[in-house]
Amino acid sequence: MLISQMDENALTDALSTRLLYDVEDDGRDGDCIVVLGSNLAVQYRVPKAVALYKAGRAQKILFSGGNTWDHKTAAEALVMRAAAIAQGIPESDLLVEKESKNTKENALCSLLILDRVFQLHTIRRLLIVTTAFHMRRAHLTFKTYMPPWIGFSLCAVNDLTTRADNWWLNENGTRRVRNECKTLIGYVKSGYLIDQDI
């Protein structure tokens, strides 16, 4: 079923789970790990990126995000970078994009950084790190707005309340997943994101 054929107001729990969570890490190495920012990125996403880097999956990590959280003055990308340094990653292997305010801007603003460091035409694969329930939208956003020759490995991270096996058991998880499904389907139907058969 295509995402554009879904009715965002009539999704079952099973279809919502399939829509958001039916993505897997293919285990392939890439040119760079791209970590999307959030208010809990240091807790969940940075450790995943560090593990991927230490496993040799890519030689650079790009932290993307310009929002500030919890009364901090530094952009989320800078906060994530500091956390990665504290976990032993060399500063020389860390890149920062601190202008983006949403997922689309994560992709668009990261393009310039990636081009400056690698030259876009040489990039073959990026490892995307974000929370599991956000991965489908992140993937489709990068596929929509990045050059078509770039492939993506989807390195999803689980948080406590929005995992594939528990999101419907708590109010926070249910709200976040329902909103994410509506956003994703709406973006695809409007042409903001490319369609996909799930």
N, C-alpha and C. Protein backbone atom coordinates (compact mmCIF):
# COMPACT_ATOMS: atom_id res chain seq x y z
N MET A 1 0.84 -1.19 0.00
CA MET A 1 0.00 0.00 0.00
C MET A 1 0.88 1.25 0.00
N LEU A 2 0.52 2.21 -0.86
CA LEU A 2 1.24 3.48 -0.89
C LEU A 2 0.82 4.35 0.29
N ILE A 3 1.75 5.14 0.78
CA ILE A 3 1.43 6.04 1.88
C ILE A 3 0.32 6.99 1.47
N SER A 4 0.34 7.43 0.22
CA SER A 4 -0.67 8.38 -0.27
C SER A 4 -2.07 7.79 -0.30
N GLN A 5 -2.19 6.47 -0.23
CA GLN A 5 -3.50 5.81 -0.23
C GLN A 5 -4.07 5.62 1.17
N MET A 6 -3.30 5.97 2.18
CA MET A 6 -3.74 5.77 3.56
C MET A 6 -4.65 6.90 4.02
N ASP A 7 -5.59 6.54 4.86
CA ASP A 7 -6.46 7.53 5.51
C ASP A 7 -5.91 7.77 6.90
N GLU A 8 -5.35 8.95 7.12
CA GLU A 8 -4.70 9.25 8.40
C GLU A 8 -5.67 9.24 9.58
N ASN A 9 -6.98 9.32 9.30
CA ASN A 9 -7.98 9.31 10.36
C ASN A 9 -8.55 7.92 10.63
N ALA A 10 -8.07 6.90 9.91
CA ALA A 10 -8.61 5.55 10.08
C ALA A 10 -7.50 4.51 10.17
N LEU A 11 -6.40 4.86 10.83
CA LEU A 11 -5.28 3.94 10.95
C LEU A 11 -5.46 3.03 12.17
N THR A 12 -5.28 1.75 11.98
CA THR A 12 -5.25 0.82 13.11
C THR A 12 -3.88 0.92 13.78
N ASP A 13 -3.76 0.38 14.98
CA ASP A 13 -2.46 0.34 15.64
C ASP A 13 -1.45 -0.42 14.81
N ALA A 14 -1.90 -1.53 14.21
CA ALA A 14 -0.99 -2.35 13.41
C ALA A 14 -0.49 -1.60 12.18
N LEU A 15 -1.37 -0.87 11.51
CA LEU A 15 -0.97 -0.13 10.32
C LEU A 15 -0.08 1.05 10.70
N SER A 16 -0.37 1.69 11.81
CA SER A 16 0.49 2.78 12.28
C SER A 16 1.89 2.27 12.58
N THR A 17 1.96 1.11 13.21
CA THR A 17 3.26 0.51 13.51
C THR A 17 4.01 0.17 12.23
N ARG A 18 3.30 -0.40 11.27
CA ARG A 18 3.93 -0.74 9.99
C ARG A 18 4.41 0.51 9.27
N LEU A 19 3.60 1.55 9.27
CA LEU A 19 3.95 2.79 8.59
C LEU A 19 5.23 3.40 9.14
N LEU A 20 5.33 3.47 10.45
CA LEU A 20 6.47 4.18 11.05
C LEU A 20 7.67 3.29 11.32
N TYR A 21 7.45 2.06 11.71
CA TYR A 21 8.55 1.26 12.27
C TYR A 21 9.09 0.18 11.34
N ASP A 22 8.48 -0.05 10.21
CA ASP A 22 8.94 -1.12 9.33
C ASP A 22 10.13 -0.64 8.50
N VAL A 23 11.20 -0.30 9.20
CA VAL A 23 12.47 0.11 8.58
C VAL A 23 13.59 -0.63 9.29
N GLU A 24 14.63 -0.98 8.57
CA GLU A 24 15.72 -1.74 9.15
C GLU A 24 17.06 -1.17 8.72
N ASP A 25 18.03 -1.27 9.59
CA ASP A 25 19.41 -0.93 9.27
C ASP A 25 19.97 -2.05 8.40
N ASP A 26 20.46 -1.69 7.22
CA ASP A 26 21.01 -2.71 6.31
C ASP A 26 22.43 -3.10 6.67
N GLY A 27 23.02 -2.44 7.66
CA GLY A 27 24.36 -2.80 8.12
C GLY A 27 25.50 -2.32 7.25
N ARG A 28 25.20 -1.55 6.22
CA ARG A 28 26.24 -1.11 5.30
C ARG A 28 27.01 0.07 5.87
N ASP A 29 28.27 0.19 5.47
CA ASP A 29 29.08 1.33 5.84
C ASP A 29 28.75 2.51 4.95
N GLY A 30 29.10 3.72 5.40
CA GLY A 30 28.81 4.91 4.62
C GLY A 30 29.90 5.94 4.73
N ASP A 31 29.65 7.08 4.10
CA ASP A 31 30.62 8.17 4.10
C ASP A 31 30.52 9.00 5.38
N CYS A 32 29.31 9.11 5.93
CA CYS A 32 29.10 9.96 7.09
C CYS A 32 27.85 9.51 7.84
N ILE A 33 27.90 9.65 9.16
CA ILE A 33 26.74 9.43 10.01
C ILE A 33 26.07 10.79 10.22
N VAL A 34 24.79 10.90 9.92
CA VAL A 34 24.06 12.16 10.10
C VAL A 34 23.07 11.98 11.25
N VAL A 35 23.23 12.78 12.29
CA VAL A 35 22.40 12.67 13.48
C VAL A 35 21.46 13.86 13.54
N LEU A 36 20.16 13.59 13.55
CA LEU A 36 19.17 14.66 13.60
C LEU A 36 18.92 15.06 15.06
N GLY A 37 18.82 16.35 15.29
CA GLY A 37 18.68 16.86 16.64
C GLY A 37 17.29 16.66 17.23
N SER A 38 17.22 16.70 18.56
CA SER A 38 15.98 16.68 19.31
C SER A 38 16.32 17.06 20.75
N ASN A 39 15.29 17.23 21.56
CA ASN A 39 15.57 17.60 22.94
C ASN A 39 16.21 16.47 23.75
N LEU A 40 16.07 15.23 23.28
CA LEU A 40 16.68 14.10 23.97
C LEU A 40 17.76 13.42 23.14
N ALA A 41 18.31 14.14 22.17
CA ALA A 41 19.30 13.55 21.27
C ALA A 41 20.55 13.10 22.01
N VAL A 42 20.97 13.84 23.00
CA VAL A 42 22.18 13.47 23.74
C VAL A 42 21.96 12.14 24.47
N GLN A 43 20.76 11.92 24.95
CA GLN A 43 20.46 10.69 25.68
C GLN A 43 20.35 9.48 24.77
N TYR A 44 19.72 9.64 23.61
CA TYR A 44 19.42 8.49 22.76
C TYR A 44 20.22 8.44 21.45
N ARG A 45 20.32 9.54 20.76
CA ARG A 45 20.89 9.52 19.41
C ARG A 45 22.41 9.58 19.39
N VAL A 46 23.00 10.39 20.26
CA VAL A 46 24.45 10.50 20.27
C VAL A 46 25.12 9.16 20.60
N PRO A 47 24.68 8.42 21.62
CA PRO A 47 25.31 7.12 21.88
C PRO A 47 25.23 6.17 20.67
N LYS A 48 24.14 6.21 19.94
CA LYS A 48 24.01 5.38 18.73
C LYS A 48 25.04 5.79 17.69
N ALA A 49 25.17 7.10 17.46
CA ALA A 49 26.15 7.59 16.49
C ALA A 49 27.57 7.22 16.91
N VAL A 50 27.87 7.36 18.18
CA VAL A 50 29.20 7.01 18.69
C VAL A 50 29.47 5.52 18.47
N ALA A 51 28.48 4.68 18.74
CA ALA A 51 28.64 3.24 18.53
C ALA A 51 28.88 2.91 17.06
N LEU A 52 28.15 3.56 16.17
CA LEU A 52 28.34 3.34 14.73
C LEU A 52 29.74 3.76 14.29
N TYR A 53 30.17 4.90 14.79
CA TYR A 53 31.52 5.40 14.46
C TYR A 53 32.58 4.43 14.97
N LYS A 54 32.46 4.00 16.22
CA LYS A 54 33.46 3.10 16.80
C LYS A 54 33.44 1.72 16.14
N ALA A 55 32.30 1.35 15.54
CA ALA A 55 32.22 0.09 14.81
C ALA A 55 32.80 0.21 13.40
N GLY A 56 33.22 1.41 13.02
CA GLY A 56 33.83 1.62 11.71
C GLY A 56 32.84 1.79 10.57
N ARG A 57 31.59 2.08 10.89
CA ARG A 57 30.57 2.21 9.84
C ARG A 57 30.76 3.48 9.01
N ALA A 58 31.36 4.52 9.58
CA ALA A 58 31.68 5.76 8.85
C ALA A 58 32.77 6.48 9.63
N GLN A 59 33.51 7.36 8.93
CA GLN A 59 34.65 8.02 9.56
C GLN A 59 34.34 9.44 10.02
N LYS A 60 33.13 9.92 9.76
CA LYS A 60 32.73 11.26 10.18
C LYS A 60 31.31 11.20 10.74
N ILE A 61 31.01 12.10 11.67
CA ILE A 61 29.65 12.27 12.19
C ILE A 61 29.25 13.72 11.98
N LEU A 62 28.07 13.92 11.38
CA LEU A 62 27.51 15.26 11.22
C LEU A 62 26.31 15.40 12.14
N PHE A 63 26.37 16.36 13.06
CA PHE A 63 25.26 16.66 13.95
C PHE A 63 24.47 17.81 13.34
N SER A 64 23.16 17.60 13.16
CA SER A 64 22.32 18.57 12.48
C SER A 64 21.20 19.05 13.39
N GLY A 65 21.14 20.36 13.60
CA GLY A 65 20.04 20.92 14.37
C GLY A 65 20.37 22.26 14.99
N GLY A 66 19.49 23.23 14.79
CA GLY A 66 19.71 24.57 15.31
C GLY A 66 18.80 24.98 16.44
N ASN A 67 17.91 24.08 16.86
CA ASN A 67 17.02 24.40 17.97
C ASN A 67 17.77 24.40 19.30
N THR A 68 17.23 25.12 20.27
CA THR A 68 17.79 25.08 21.62
C THR A 68 16.74 24.48 22.54
N TRP A 69 17.19 23.72 23.54
CA TRP A 69 16.30 22.99 24.42
C TRP A 69 16.69 23.22 25.88
N ASP A 70 15.72 23.10 26.74
CA ASP A 70 15.94 23.14 28.19
C ASP A 70 16.71 24.38 28.63
N HIS A 71 16.35 25.51 28.07
CA HIS A 71 16.95 26.79 28.44
C HIS A 71 18.44 26.87 28.13
N LYS A 72 18.93 25.99 27.27
CA LYS A 72 20.33 26.08 26.84
C LYS A 72 20.46 27.19 25.80
N THR A 73 21.63 27.77 25.71
CA THR A 73 21.87 28.81 24.70
C THR A 73 22.51 28.23 23.45
N ALA A 74 23.11 27.05 23.54
CA ALA A 74 23.78 26.44 22.40
C ALA A 74 22.79 25.65 21.55
N ALA A 75 22.99 25.67 20.26
CA ALA A 75 22.17 24.88 19.34
C ALA A 75 22.36 23.39 19.64
N GLU A 76 21.31 22.61 19.35
CA GLU A 76 21.34 21.18 19.65
C GLU A 76 22.52 20.47 18.99
N ALA A 77 22.92 20.90 17.80
CA ALA A 77 24.07 20.28 17.13
C ALA A 77 25.34 20.45 17.94
N LEU A 78 25.52 21.62 18.54
CA LEU A 78 26.70 21.86 19.37
C LEU A 78 26.67 21.06 20.66
N VAL A 79 25.48 20.91 21.23
CA VAL A 79 25.33 20.11 22.45
C VAL A 79 25.65 18.64 22.14
N MET A 80 25.17 18.16 21.00
CA MET A 80 25.46 16.78 20.61
C MET A 80 26.95 16.58 20.35
N ARG A 81 27.56 17.55 19.69
CA ARG A 81 29.00 17.47 19.42
C ARG A 81 29.80 17.37 20.71
N ALA A 82 29.46 18.20 21.69
CA ALA A 82 30.15 18.17 22.98
C ALA A 82 30.00 16.81 23.65
N ALA A 83 28.81 16.23 23.55
CA ALA A 83 28.58 14.91 24.14
C ALA A 83 29.42 13.84 23.45
N ALA A 84 29.55 13.93 22.14
CA ALA A 84 30.36 12.95 21.40
C ALA A 84 31.84 13.08 21.77
N ILE A 85 32.31 14.30 21.92
CA ILE A 85 33.70 14.50 22.34
C ILE A 85 33.93 13.89 23.72
N ALA A 86 32.96 14.08 24.61
CA ALA A 86 33.06 13.51 25.96
C ALA A 86 33.08 11.98 25.92
N GLN A 87 32.54 11.40 24.83
CA GLN A 87 32.53 9.94 24.69
C GLN A 87 33.71 9.45 23.86
N GLY A 88 34.68 10.33 23.63
CA GLY A 88 35.93 9.90 23.02
C GLY A 88 36.07 10.05 21.52
N ILE A 89 35.13 10.72 20.87
CA ILE A 89 35.23 10.90 19.42
C ILE A 89 36.14 12.11 19.13
N PRO A 90 37.12 11.97 18.24
CA PRO A 90 38.01 13.10 17.93
C PRO A 90 37.25 14.27 17.31
N GLU A 91 37.58 15.48 17.74
CA GLU A 91 36.92 16.67 17.21
C GLU A 91 37.05 16.76 15.69
N SER A 92 38.16 16.28 15.16
CA SER A 92 38.41 16.37 13.72
C SER A 92 37.44 15.53 12.90
N ASP A 93 36.77 14.58 13.53
CA ASP A 93 35.82 13.72 12.82
C ASP A 93 34.37 14.14 13.04
N LEU A 94 34.16 15.29 13.67
CA LEU A 94 32.82 15.77 13.97
C LEU A 94 32.49 17.02 13.18
N LEU A 95 31.33 17.00 12.53
CA LEU A 95 30.85 18.13 11.73
C LEU A 95 29.58 18.66 12.36
N VAL A 96 29.31 19.94 12.16
CA VAL A 96 28.15 20.57 12.79
C VAL A 96 27.37 21.39 11.77
N GLU A 97 26.05 21.20 11.79
CA GLU A 97 25.11 22.03 11.02
C GLU A 97 24.13 22.58 12.03
N LYS A 98 24.17 23.90 12.28
CA LYS A 98 23.38 24.48 13.37
C LYS A 98 22.37 25.52 12.92
N GLU A 99 21.88 25.40 11.70
CA GLU A 99 20.89 26.34 11.19
C GLU A 99 19.49 25.74 11.10
N SER A 100 19.38 24.44 10.95
CA SER A 100 18.09 23.80 10.66
C SER A 100 17.16 23.84 11.86
N LYS A 101 15.86 23.93 11.57
CA LYS A 101 14.82 23.98 12.61
C LYS A 101 13.81 22.84 12.49
N ASN A 102 13.90 22.03 11.43
CA ASN A 102 12.98 20.91 11.24
C ASN A 102 13.64 19.86 10.36
N THR A 103 12.94 18.79 10.10
CA THR A 103 13.53 17.66 9.38
C THR A 103 13.93 18.02 7.95
N LYS A 104 13.09 18.74 7.24
CA LYS A 104 13.43 19.16 5.89
C LYS A 104 14.70 20.01 5.89
N GLU A 105 14.79 20.92 6.85
CA GLU A 105 15.98 21.77 6.92
C GLU A 105 17.21 20.97 7.36
N ASN A 106 17.02 19.90 8.15
CA ASN A 106 18.15 19.01 8.46
C ASN A 106 18.79 18.52 7.17
N ALA A 107 17.95 18.08 6.23
CA ALA A 107 18.47 17.58 4.95
C ALA A 107 19.09 18.69 4.13
N LEU A 108 18.36 19.79 3.96
CA LEU A 108 18.84 20.86 3.09
C LEU A 108 20.09 21.54 3.63
N CYS A 109 20.10 21.84 4.92
CA CYS A 109 21.26 22.52 5.50
C CYS A 109 22.47 21.60 5.59
N SER A 110 22.24 20.31 5.72
CA SER A 110 23.36 19.36 5.76
C SER A 110 24.03 19.23 4.40
N LEU A 111 23.29 19.48 3.33
CA LEU A 111 23.88 19.37 1.99
C LEU A 111 25.13 20.23 1.84
N LEU A 112 25.08 21.46 2.28
CA LEU A 112 26.21 22.36 2.13
C LEU A 112 27.42 21.88 2.92
N ILE A 113 27.18 21.44 4.16
CA ILE A 113 28.28 20.92 4.98
C ILE A 113 28.90 19.70 4.32
N LEU A 114 28.06 18.78 3.86
CA LEU A 114 28.54 17.57 3.21
C LEU A 114 29.32 17.89 1.95
N ASP A 115 28.84 18.86 1.18
CA ASP A 115 29.54 19.25 -0.04
C ASP A 115 30.91 19.85 0.28
N ARG A 116 30.96 20.68 1.29
CA ARG A 116 32.24 21.31 1.65
C ARG A 116 33.26 20.30 2.13
N VAL A 117 32.83 19.30 2.86
CA VAL A 117 33.76 18.32 3.43
C VAL A 117 34.10 17.20 2.45
N PHE A 118 33.08 16.69 1.75
CA PHE A 118 33.29 15.52 0.90
C PHE A 118 33.22 15.82 -0.60
N GLN A 119 32.51 16.86 -0.99
CA GLN A 119 32.02 17.12 -2.34
C GLN A 119 30.88 16.12 -2.62
N LEU A 120 29.70 16.68 -2.86
CA LEU A 120 28.49 15.85 -2.95
C LEU A 120 28.60 14.71 -3.95
N HIS A 121 29.25 14.97 -5.07
CA HIS A 121 29.29 13.93 -6.11
C HIS A 121 30.07 12.69 -5.68
N THR A 122 30.85 12.79 -4.60
CA THR A 122 31.62 11.62 -4.14
C THR A 122 30.89 10.82 -3.07
N ILE A 123 29.81 11.37 -2.53
CA ILE A 123 29.09 10.68 -1.44
C ILE A 123 28.20 9.58 -2.02
N ARG A 124 28.31 8.39 -1.45
CA ARG A 124 27.51 7.27 -1.91
C ARG A 124 26.47 6.82 -0.88
N ARG A 125 26.78 6.98 0.42
CA ARG A 125 25.85 6.48 1.43
C ARG A 125 26.00 7.30 2.71
N LEU A 126 24.85 7.63 3.30
CA LEU A 126 24.79 8.29 4.59
C LEU A 126 24.07 7.39 5.58
N LEU A 127 24.53 7.35 6.81
CA LEU A 127 23.85 6.63 7.88
C LEU A 127 23.02 7.64 8.66
N ILE A 128 21.71 7.48 8.64
CA ILE A 128 20.81 8.41 9.30
C ILE A 128 20.49 7.89 10.70
N VAL A 129 20.68 8.76 11.70
CA VAL A 129 20.36 8.41 13.08
C VAL A 129 19.25 9.33 13.59
N THR A 130 18.14 8.73 13.95
CA THR A 130 17.03 9.45 14.58
C THR A 130 16.21 8.45 15.36
N THR A 131 15.22 8.93 16.08
CA THR A 131 14.37 8.05 16.87
C THR A 131 13.51 7.17 15.95
N ALA A 132 13.22 5.97 16.38
CA ALA A 132 12.55 4.99 15.52
C ALA A 132 11.25 5.51 14.93
N PHE A 133 10.40 6.15 15.72
CA PHE A 133 9.11 6.59 15.20
C PHE A 133 9.25 7.73 14.19
N HIS A 134 10.38 8.39 14.14
CA HIS A 134 10.64 9.50 13.21
C HIS A 134 11.41 9.06 11.97
N MET A 135 11.90 7.82 11.94
CA MET A 135 12.81 7.40 10.88
C MET A 135 12.16 7.38 9.50
N ARG A 136 10.92 6.94 9.38
CA ARG A 136 10.30 6.88 8.05
C ARG A 136 10.26 8.29 7.43
N ARG A 137 9.82 9.28 8.20
CA ARG A 137 9.74 10.65 7.67
C ARG A 137 11.14 11.19 7.39
N ALA A 138 12.07 10.91 8.27
CA ALA A 138 13.44 11.38 8.04
C ALA A 138 14.00 10.78 6.75
N HIS A 139 13.79 9.48 6.56
CA HIS A 139 14.29 8.81 5.36
C HIS A 139 13.67 9.40 4.09
N LEU A 140 12.35 9.54 4.10
CA LEU A 140 11.70 10.09 2.91
C LEU A 140 12.10 11.54 2.66
N THR A 141 12.37 12.29 3.73
CA THR A 141 12.82 13.67 3.56
C THR A 141 14.19 13.70 2.89
N PHE A 142 15.10 12.88 3.36
CA PHE A 142 16.43 12.86 2.76
C PHE A 142 16.37 12.33 1.32
N LYS A 143 15.52 11.34 1.06
CA LYS A 143 15.37 10.85 -0.32
C LYS A 143 14.77 11.91 -1.23
N THR A 144 13.86 12.73 -0.69
CA THR A 144 13.21 13.76 -1.49
C THR A 144 14.16 14.90 -1.83
N TYR A 145 14.98 15.31 -0.87
CA TYR A 145 15.74 16.55 -1.03
C TYR A 145 17.24 16.38 -1.23
N MET A 146 17.74 15.17 -1.15
CA MET A 146 19.17 14.94 -1.41
C MET A 146 19.33 14.34 -2.80
N PRO A 147 20.55 14.44 -3.36
CA PRO A 147 20.78 13.90 -4.71
C PRO A 147 20.43 12.41 -4.80
N PRO A 148 19.93 11.99 -5.95
CA PRO A 148 19.42 10.61 -6.08
C PRO A 148 20.48 9.52 -6.01
N TRP A 149 21.74 9.85 -6.19
CA TRP A 149 22.77 8.82 -6.15
C TRP A 149 23.18 8.45 -4.72
N ILE A 150 22.71 9.20 -3.74
CA ILE A 150 23.08 8.92 -2.36
C ILE A 150 22.10 7.90 -1.76
N GLY A 151 22.65 6.83 -1.20
CA GLY A 151 21.85 5.83 -0.52
C GLY A 151 21.85 6.10 0.98
N PHE A 152 20.96 5.43 1.69
CA PHE A 152 20.81 5.68 3.12
C PHE A 152 20.70 4.38 3.90
N SER A 153 21.43 4.30 4.99
CA SER A 153 21.25 3.24 5.96
C SER A 153 20.52 3.84 7.15
N LEU A 154 19.48 3.17 7.61
CA LEU A 154 18.56 3.73 8.60
C LEU A 154 18.85 3.15 9.97
N CYS A 155 19.52 3.95 10.80
CA CYS A 155 20.01 3.50 12.10
C CYS A 155 19.13 4.08 13.20
N ALA A 156 17.97 3.48 13.38
CA ALA A 156 16.96 3.98 14.31
C ALA A 156 17.34 3.71 15.76
N VAL A 157 16.88 4.60 16.61
CA VAL A 157 17.13 4.52 18.05
C VAL A 157 15.79 4.42 18.78
N ASN A 158 15.72 3.54 19.74
CA ASN A 158 14.52 3.44 20.57
C ASN A 158 14.61 4.36 21.78
N ASP A 159 13.51 5.04 22.09
CA ASP A 159 13.42 5.75 23.37
C ASP A 159 12.56 4.89 24.30
N LEU A 160 12.09 5.45 25.38
CA LEU A 160 11.36 4.64 26.35
C LEU A 160 9.89 4.41 26.01
N THR A 161 9.23 5.42 25.42
CA THR A 161 7.76 5.36 25.30
C THR A 161 7.22 5.28 23.88
N THR A 162 8.09 5.36 22.88
CA THR A 162 7.58 5.30 21.50
C THR A 162 8.28 4.21 20.70
N ARG A 163 8.46 3.07 21.31
CA ARG A 163 9.02 1.92 20.61
C ARG A 163 7.92 1.20 19.85
N ALA A 164 8.31 0.39 18.88
CA ALA A 164 7.34 -0.37 18.10
C ALA A 164 6.53 -1.32 18.97
N ASP A 165 7.09 -1.75 20.10
CA ASP A 165 6.41 -2.73 20.94
C ASP A 165 5.67 -2.13 22.13
N ASN A 166 5.64 -0.78 22.25
CA ASN A 166 4.95 -0.24 23.42
C ASN A 166 4.26 1.11 23.23
N TRP A 167 4.34 1.72 22.05
CA TRP A 167 3.86 3.08 21.90
C TRP A 167 2.38 3.24 22.26
N TRP A 168 1.57 2.21 22.02
CA TRP A 168 0.12 2.29 22.28
C TRP A 168 -0.23 2.05 23.75
N LEU A 169 0.76 1.74 24.57
CA LEU A 169 0.51 1.43 25.98
C LEU A 169 0.57 2.65 26.89
N ASN A 170 0.93 3.80 26.33
CA ASN A 170 1.05 5.00 27.15
C ASN A 170 0.56 6.21 26.37
N GLU A 171 0.09 7.20 27.07
CA GLU A 171 -0.51 8.37 26.44
C GLU A 171 0.48 9.15 25.59
N ASN A 172 1.69 9.34 26.10
CA ASN A 172 2.70 10.09 25.35
C ASN A 172 3.06 9.40 24.05
N GLY A 173 3.30 8.10 24.12
CA GLY A 173 3.65 7.35 22.91
C GLY A 173 2.52 7.36 21.90
N THR A 174 1.30 7.17 22.35
CA THR A 174 0.14 7.16 21.46
C THR A 174 -0.01 8.51 20.76
N ARG A 175 0.10 9.58 21.50
CA ARG A 175 -0.03 10.91 20.93
C ARG A 175 1.05 11.18 19.88
N ARG A 176 2.28 10.84 20.22
CA ARG A 176 3.39 11.11 19.31
C ARG A 176 3.28 10.29 18.02
N VAL A 177 2.91 9.02 18.15
CA VAL A 177 2.79 8.17 16.96
C VAL A 177 1.62 8.62 16.10
N ARG A 178 0.47 8.93 16.70
CA ARG A 178 -0.68 9.39 15.92
C ARG A 178 -0.34 10.68 15.17
N ASN A 179 0.31 11.62 15.85
CA ASN A 179 0.69 12.88 15.21
C ASN A 179 1.70 12.66 14.09
N GLU A 180 2.66 11.76 14.33
CA GLU A 180 3.68 11.48 13.31
C GLU A 180 3.05 10.85 12.08
N CYS A 181 2.12 9.92 12.27
CA CYS A 181 1.43 9.30 11.13
C CYS A 181 0.68 10.34 10.32
N LYS A 182 -0.07 11.21 10.99
CA LYS A 182 -0.83 12.25 10.28
C LYS A 182 0.09 13.20 9.54
N THR A 183 1.19 13.58 10.17
CA THR A 183 2.15 14.47 9.52
C THR A 183 2.74 13.82 8.29
N LEU A 184 3.19 12.58 8.43
CA LEU A 184 3.83 11.88 7.33
C LEU A 184 2.87 11.70 6.15
N ILE A 185 1.68 11.22 6.42
CA ILE A 185 0.70 11.01 5.34
C ILE A 185 0.34 12.34 4.68
N GLY A 186 0.14 13.37 5.49
CA GLY A 186 -0.18 14.69 4.94
C GLY A 186 0.92 15.22 4.05
N TYR A 187 2.17 15.06 4.46
CA TYR A 187 3.30 15.53 3.66
C TYR A 187 3.38 14.79 2.32
N VAL A 188 3.14 13.48 2.36
CA VAL A 188 3.20 12.70 1.11
C VAL A 188 2.05 13.11 0.19
N LYS A 189 0.85 13.24 0.72
CA LYS A 189 -0.30 13.60 -0.12
C LYS A 189 -0.15 14.99 -0.73
N SER A 190 0.53 15.89 -0.03
CA SER A 190 0.70 17.25 -0.54
C SER A 190 1.86 17.37 -1.53
N GLY A 191 2.68 16.32 -1.64
CA GLY A 191 3.85 16.37 -2.52
C GLY A 191 5.10 16.89 -1.85
N TYR A 192 5.02 17.21 -0.59
CA TYR A 192 6.17 17.68 0.21
C TYR A 192 7.23 16.59 0.32
N LEU A 193 6.75 15.33 0.40
CA LEU A 193 7.64 14.16 0.42
C LEU A 193 7.24 13.19 -0.69
N ILE A 194 8.21 12.44 -1.18
CA ILE A 194 7.92 11.42 -2.18
C ILE A 194 7.08 10.32 -1.53
N ASP A 195 6.35 9.60 -2.35
CA ASP A 195 5.50 8.50 -1.88
C ASP A 195 6.35 7.24 -1.73
N GLN A 196 5.82 6.28 -1.00
CA GLN A 196 6.52 5.02 -0.81
C GLN A 196 5.51 3.91 -0.56
N ASP A 197 5.81 2.75 -1.10
CA ASP A 197 4.98 1.58 -0.88
C ASP A 197 5.44 0.89 0.39
N ILE A 198 4.55 0.77 1.35
CA ILE A 198 4.93 0.05 2.57
C ILE A 198 4.16 -1.26 2.68
